[in-house]
Amino acid sequence: MFNRALSTWREREEETGKAKSHVEWVTLAMAREPIEEIVPKITADLQSFTSLTAPNGWLLWFDATKADGPMPLAGDRSKDRIHSAFKINGHIQFVRETHQEVRDVIAAAGGTPLPIPGRFAEMIETLKSWVGIGAKPPTQLLAK
């Protein structure tokens, strides 16, 4: 049903018109109701609907059964208020919560969380970002 993250926009009427919330799923849906009114309606049909906090303080609403997380981070991002991440629809969403909190939120909403990333996984992500590997498979690196 809701395959993408839902973001709460409160003070952004110049971008959203009179909408107070926006839901990204199959198509973009804007709602005039505040998120506090929308969440109970959604969770009545989708008990796995939950949220984590984006670095800017907005809530990221998503279906926990479609999320992979917590994900390892490359380097220390705490100065940017990023302490963990999760993946949904192939996109990484950075969040303020810790790895343990991300794991707990996904599990509490009925999802299957990943193990908490260790220092080794985070070092690998850091090395990949240094050499510009990104999402390239290792075979592409050997071809150079």
C-alpha atoms as a PDB file:
ATOM      1  CA  MET A   1       0.000   0.000   0.000  1.00  0.00           C
ATOM      2  CA  PHE A   2       2.363   2.756   1.151  1.00  0.00           C
ATOM      3  CA  ASN A   3       5.637   1.888  -0.509  1.00  0.00           C
ATOM      4  CA  ARG A   4       7.453   5.141   0.077  1.00  0.00           C
ATOM      5  CA  ALA A   5       8.200   7.338   3.044  1.00  0.00           C
ATOM      6  CA  LEU A   6       5.600   9.875   4.127  1.00  0.00           C
ATOM      7  CA  SER A   7       6.977  13.232   5.232  1.00  0.00           C
ATOM      8  CA  THR A   8       5.236  15.708   7.461  1.00  0.00           C
ATOM      9  CA  TRP A   9       5.344  19.280   6.178  1.00  0.00           C
ATOM     10  CA  ARG A  10       4.083  21.858   8.604  1.00  0.00           C
ATOM     11  CA  GLU A  11       5.550  25.247   7.723  1.00  0.00           C
ATOM     12  CA  ARG A  12       5.919  24.643   3.973  1.00  0.00           C
ATOM     13  CA  GLU A  13       2.701  25.988   2.480  1.00  0.00           C
ATOM     14  CA  GLU A  14       4.618  27.724  -0.315  1.00  0.00           C
ATOM     15  CA  GLU A  15       5.539  24.268  -1.627  1.00  0.00           C
ATOM     16  CA  THR A  16       2.450  22.297  -0.659  1.00  0.00           C
ATOM     17  CA  GLY A  17      -0.403  24.764  -0.988  1.00  0.00           C
ATOM     18  CA  LYS A  18      -2.824  24.213   1.874  1.00  0.00           C
ATOM     19  CA  ALA A  19      -1.646  20.632   2.408  1.00  0.00           C
ATOM     20  CA  LYS A  20      -0.352  19.855   5.869  1.00  0.00           C
ATOM     21  CA  SER A  21       0.875  16.346   5.041  1.00  0.00           C
ATOM     22  CA  HIS A  22       2.120  14.514   2.019  1.00  0.00           C
ATOM     23  CA  VAL A  23       2.178  10.803   1.270  1.00  0.00           C
ATOM     24  CA  GLU A  24       4.390   9.308  -1.383  1.00  0.00           C
ATOM     25  CA  TRP A  25       3.283   5.877  -2.507  1.00  0.00           C
ATOM     26  CA  VAL A  26       2.033   4.811  -5.953  1.00  0.00           C
ATOM     27  CA  THR A  27       1.181   8.453  -6.670  1.00  0.00           C
ATOM     28  CA  LEU A  28       1.807  11.539  -4.595  1.00  0.00           C
ATOM     29  CA  ALA A  29      -1.133  12.355  -2.327  1.00  0.00           C
ATOM     30  CA  MET A  30      -1.508  15.671  -0.550  1.00  0.00           C
ATOM     31  CA  ALA A  31      -3.813  16.064   2.416  1.00  0.00           C
ATOM     32  CA  ARG A  32      -5.169  19.134   4.150  1.00  0.00           C
ATOM     33  CA  GLU A  33      -5.501  17.212   7.383  1.00  0.00           C
ATOM     34  CA  PRO A  34      -2.543  17.313   9.752  1.00  0.00           C
ATOM     35  CA  ILE A  35      -0.563  14.112  10.126  1.00  0.00           C
ATOM     36  CA  GLU A  36      -2.109  13.496  13.567  1.00  0.00           C
ATOM     37  CA  GLU A  37      -5.467  12.961  11.832  1.00  0.00           C
ATOM     38  CA  ILE A  38      -4.104  10.873   8.963  1.00  0.00           C
ATOM     39  CA  VAL A  39      -2.030   8.349  10.936  1.00  0.00           C
ATOM     40  CA  PRO A  40      -4.988   6.722  12.782  1.00  0.00           C
ATOM     41  CA  LYS A  41      -6.814   6.284   9.468  1.00  0.00           C
ATOM     42  CA  ILE A  42      -3.792   4.648   7.850  1.00  0.00           C
ATOM     43  CA  THR A  43      -2.900   2.430  10.815  1.00  0.00           C
ATOM     44  CA  ALA A  44      -6.477   1.125  10.915  1.00  0.00           C
ATOM     45  CA  ASP A  45      -5.626  -0.697   7.660  1.00  0.00           C
ATOM     46  CA  LEU A  46      -1.836  -0.857   7.927  1.00  0.00           C
ATOM     47  CA  GLN A  47      -0.618  -1.686  11.428  1.00  0.00           C
ATOM     48  CA  SER A  48       3.003  -1.621  10.258  1.00  0.00           C
ATOM     49  CA  PHE A  49       2.829   2.134   9.502  1.00  0.00           C
ATOM     50  CA  THR A  50       5.381   3.893  11.710  1.00  0.00           C
ATOM     51  CA  SER A  51       7.850   6.770  11.696  1.00  0.00           C
ATOM     52  CA  LEU A  52      11.429   7.784  12.336  1.00  0.00           C
ATOM     53  CA  THR A  53      12.906  11.289  12.475  1.00  0.00           C
ATOM     54  CA  ALA A  54      14.752  12.834   9.520  1.00  0.00           C
ATOM     55  CA  PRO A  55      17.867  14.912  10.266  1.00  0.00           C
ATOM     56  CA  ASN A  56      15.814  18.109   9.756  1.00  0.00           C
ATOM     57  CA  GLY A  57      13.293  17.018  12.412  1.00  0.00           C
ATOM     58  CA  TRP A  58      10.479  15.997  10.068  1.00  0.00           C
ATOM     59  CA  LEU A  59       8.867  12.627  10.607  1.00  0.00           C
ATOM     60  CA  LEU A  60       9.420  10.008   7.924  1.00  0.00           C
ATOM     61  CA  TRP A  61       6.351   7.743   7.848  1.00  0.00           C
ATOM     62  CA  PHE A  62       6.735   4.324   6.246  1.00  0.00           C
ATOM     63  CA  ASP A  63       5.563   0.713   6.159  1.00  0.00           C
ATOM     64  CA  ALA A  64       7.944  -1.173   8.472  1.00  0.00           C
ATOM     65  CA  THR A  65       7.387  -4.430   6.567  1.00  0.00           C
ATOM     66  CA  LYS A  66       8.973  -2.819   3.481  1.00  0.00           C
ATOM     67  CA  ALA A  67      11.967  -1.313   5.318  1.00  0.00           C
ATOM     68  CA  ASP A  68      15.501  -2.653   5.683  1.00  0.00           C
ATOM     69  CA  GLY A  69      17.400  -1.304   8.622  1.00  0.00           C
ATOM     70  CA  PRO A  70      19.328  -0.252  10.453  1.00  0.00           C
ATOM     71  CA  MET A  71      21.882   0.382   7.717  1.00  0.00           C
ATOM     72  CA  PRO A  72      25.594   1.117   8.283  1.00  0.00           C
ATOM     73  CA  LEU A  73      26.814   4.688   7.883  1.00  0.00           C
ATOM     74  CA  ALA A  74      29.984   5.903   6.205  1.00  0.00           C
ATOM     75  CA  GLY A  75      31.983   7.935   8.706  1.00  0.00           C
ATOM     76  CA  ASP A  76      30.737  10.014  11.606  1.00  0.00           C
ATOM     77  CA  ARG A  77      27.622  11.945  10.621  1.00  0.00           C
ATOM     78  CA  SER A  78      26.494  12.945  14.103  1.00  0.00           C
ATOM     79  CA  LYS A  79      27.295  16.621  13.445  1.00  0.00           C
ATOM     80  CA  ASP A  80      24.541  16.438  10.800  1.00  0.00           C
ATOM     81  CA  ARG A  81      22.198  14.818  13.352  1.00  0.00           C
ATOM     82  CA  ILE A  82      22.419  11.494  11.495  1.00  0.00           C
ATOM     83  CA  HIS A  83      22.863   8.475  13.749  1.00  0.00           C
ATOM     84  CA  SER A  84      21.463   5.686  11.592  1.00  0.00           C
ATOM     85  CA  ALA A  85      19.641   4.930   8.345  1.00  0.00           C
ATOM     86  CA  PHE A  86      17.109   2.581   6.837  1.00  0.00           C
ATOM     87  CA  LYS A  87      16.347   1.619   3.250  1.00  0.00           C
ATOM     88  CA  ILE A  88      12.910   1.743   1.656  1.00  0.00           C
ATOM     89  CA  ASN A  89      12.144   1.310  -2.057  1.00  0.00           C
ATOM     90  CA  GLY A  90      15.841   1.237  -2.814  1.00  0.00           C
ATOM     91  CA  HIS A  91      16.425   4.635  -1.181  1.00  0.00           C
ATOM     92  CA  ILE A  92      18.476   5.259   1.950  1.00  0.00           C
ATOM     93  CA  GLN A  93      16.737   7.469   4.510  1.00  0.00           C
ATOM     94  CA  PHE A  94      19.052   8.990   7.123  1.00  0.00           C
ATOM     95  CA  VAL A  95      17.549   9.418  10.588  1.00  0.00           C
ATOM     96  CA  ARG A  96      18.300  10.948  13.977  1.00  0.00           C
ATOM     97  CA  GLU A  97      17.602   7.717  15.855  1.00  0.00           C
ATOM     98  CA  THR A  98      20.401   5.316  16.809  1.00  0.00           C
ATOM     99  CA  HIS A  99      20.835   1.918  15.168  1.00  0.00           C
ATOM    100  CA  GLN A 100      19.168   0.297  18.189  1.00  0.00           C
ATOM    101  CA  GLU A 101      16.201   2.682  18.051  1.00  0.00           C
ATOM    102  CA  VAL A 102      15.731   2.063  14.297  1.00  0.00           C
ATOM    103  CA  ARG A 103      15.807  -1.675  14.947  1.00  0.00           C
ATOM    104  CA  ASP A 104      13.280  -1.352  17.801  1.00  0.00           C
ATOM    105  CA  VAL A 105      10.866   0.827  15.776  1.00  0.00           C
ATOM    106  CA  ILE A 106      10.879  -1.539  12.789  1.00  0.00           C
ATOM    107  CA  ALA A 107      10.388  -4.593  15.026  1.00  0.00           C
ATOM    108  CA  ALA A 108       7.625  -2.972  17.110  1.00  0.00           C
ATOM    109  CA  ALA A 109       5.679  -2.157  13.937  1.00  0.00           C
ATOM    110  CA  GLY A 110       5.863  -5.737  12.667  1.00  0.00           C
ATOM    111  CA  GLY A 111       8.839  -5.431  10.343  1.00  0.00           C
ATOM    112  CA  THR A 112      11.934  -7.623  10.319  1.00  0.00           C
ATOM    113  CA  PRO A 113      14.901  -5.470  11.309  1.00  0.00           C
ATOM    114  CA  LEU A 114      18.461  -6.179  10.260  1.00  0.00           C
ATOM    115  CA  PRO A 115      21.181  -6.788  12.856  1.00  0.00           C
ATOM    116  CA  ILE A 116      22.782  -3.665  14.287  1.00  0.00           C
ATOM    117  CA  PRO A 117      25.700  -2.732  12.011  1.00  0.00           C
ATOM    118  CA  GLY A 118      29.079  -3.233  13.624  1.00  0.00           C
ATOM    119  CA  ARG A 119      32.167  -1.097  13.289  1.00  0.00           C
ATOM    120  CA  PHE A 120      33.436  -3.372  10.494  1.00  0.00           C
ATOM    121  CA  ALA A 121      30.351  -2.726   8.325  1.00  0.00           C
ATOM    122  CA  GLU A 122      30.664   1.009   8.927  1.00  0.00           C
ATOM    123  CA  MET A 123      34.388   0.939   8.053  1.00  0.00           C
ATOM    124  CA  ILE A 124      33.552  -0.825   4.766  1.00  0.00           C
ATOM    125  CA  GLU A 125      30.964   1.879   3.952  1.00  0.00           C
ATOM    126  CA  THR A 126      33.570   4.560   4.733  1.00  0.00           C
ATOM    127  CA  LEU A 127      36.159   2.910   2.471  1.00  0.00           C
ATOM    128  CA  LYS A 128      33.610   2.579  -0.326  1.00  0.00           C
ATOM    129  CA  SER A 129      32.793   6.287  -0.075  1.00  0.00           C
ATOM    130  CA  TRP A 130      36.512   7.209  -0.126  1.00  0.00           C
ATOM    131  CA  VAL A 131      37.242   5.295  -3.311  1.00  0.00           C
ATOM    132  CA  GLY A 132      33.949   6.225  -4.940  1.00  0.00           C
ATOM    133  CA  ILE A 133      32.583   2.713  -5.177  1.00  0.00           C
ATOM    134  CA  GLY A 134      29.034   3.714  -4.280  1.00  0.00           C
ATOM    135  CA  ALA A 135      26.675   1.032  -5.572  1.00  0.00           C
ATOM    136  CA  LYS A 136      29.038  -0.315  -8.240  1.00  0.00           C
ATOM    137  CA  PRO A 137      29.622  -4.058  -8.094  1.00  0.00           C
ATOM    138  CA  PRO A 138      33.261  -5.047  -7.432  1.00  0.00           C
ATOM    139  CA  THR A 139      33.538  -6.527 -10.966  1.00  0.00           C
ATOM    140  CA  GLN A 140      33.185  -3.019 -12.423  1.00  0.00           C
ATOM    141  CA  LEU A 141      36.192  -1.910 -10.412  1.00  0.00           C
ATOM    142  CA  LEU A 142      38.339  -4.743 -11.764  1.00  0.00           C
ATOM    143  CA  ALA A 143      37.452  -3.823 -15.352  1.00  0.00           C
ATOM    144  CA  LYS A 144      39.135  -0.407 -15.050  1.00  0.00           C
END
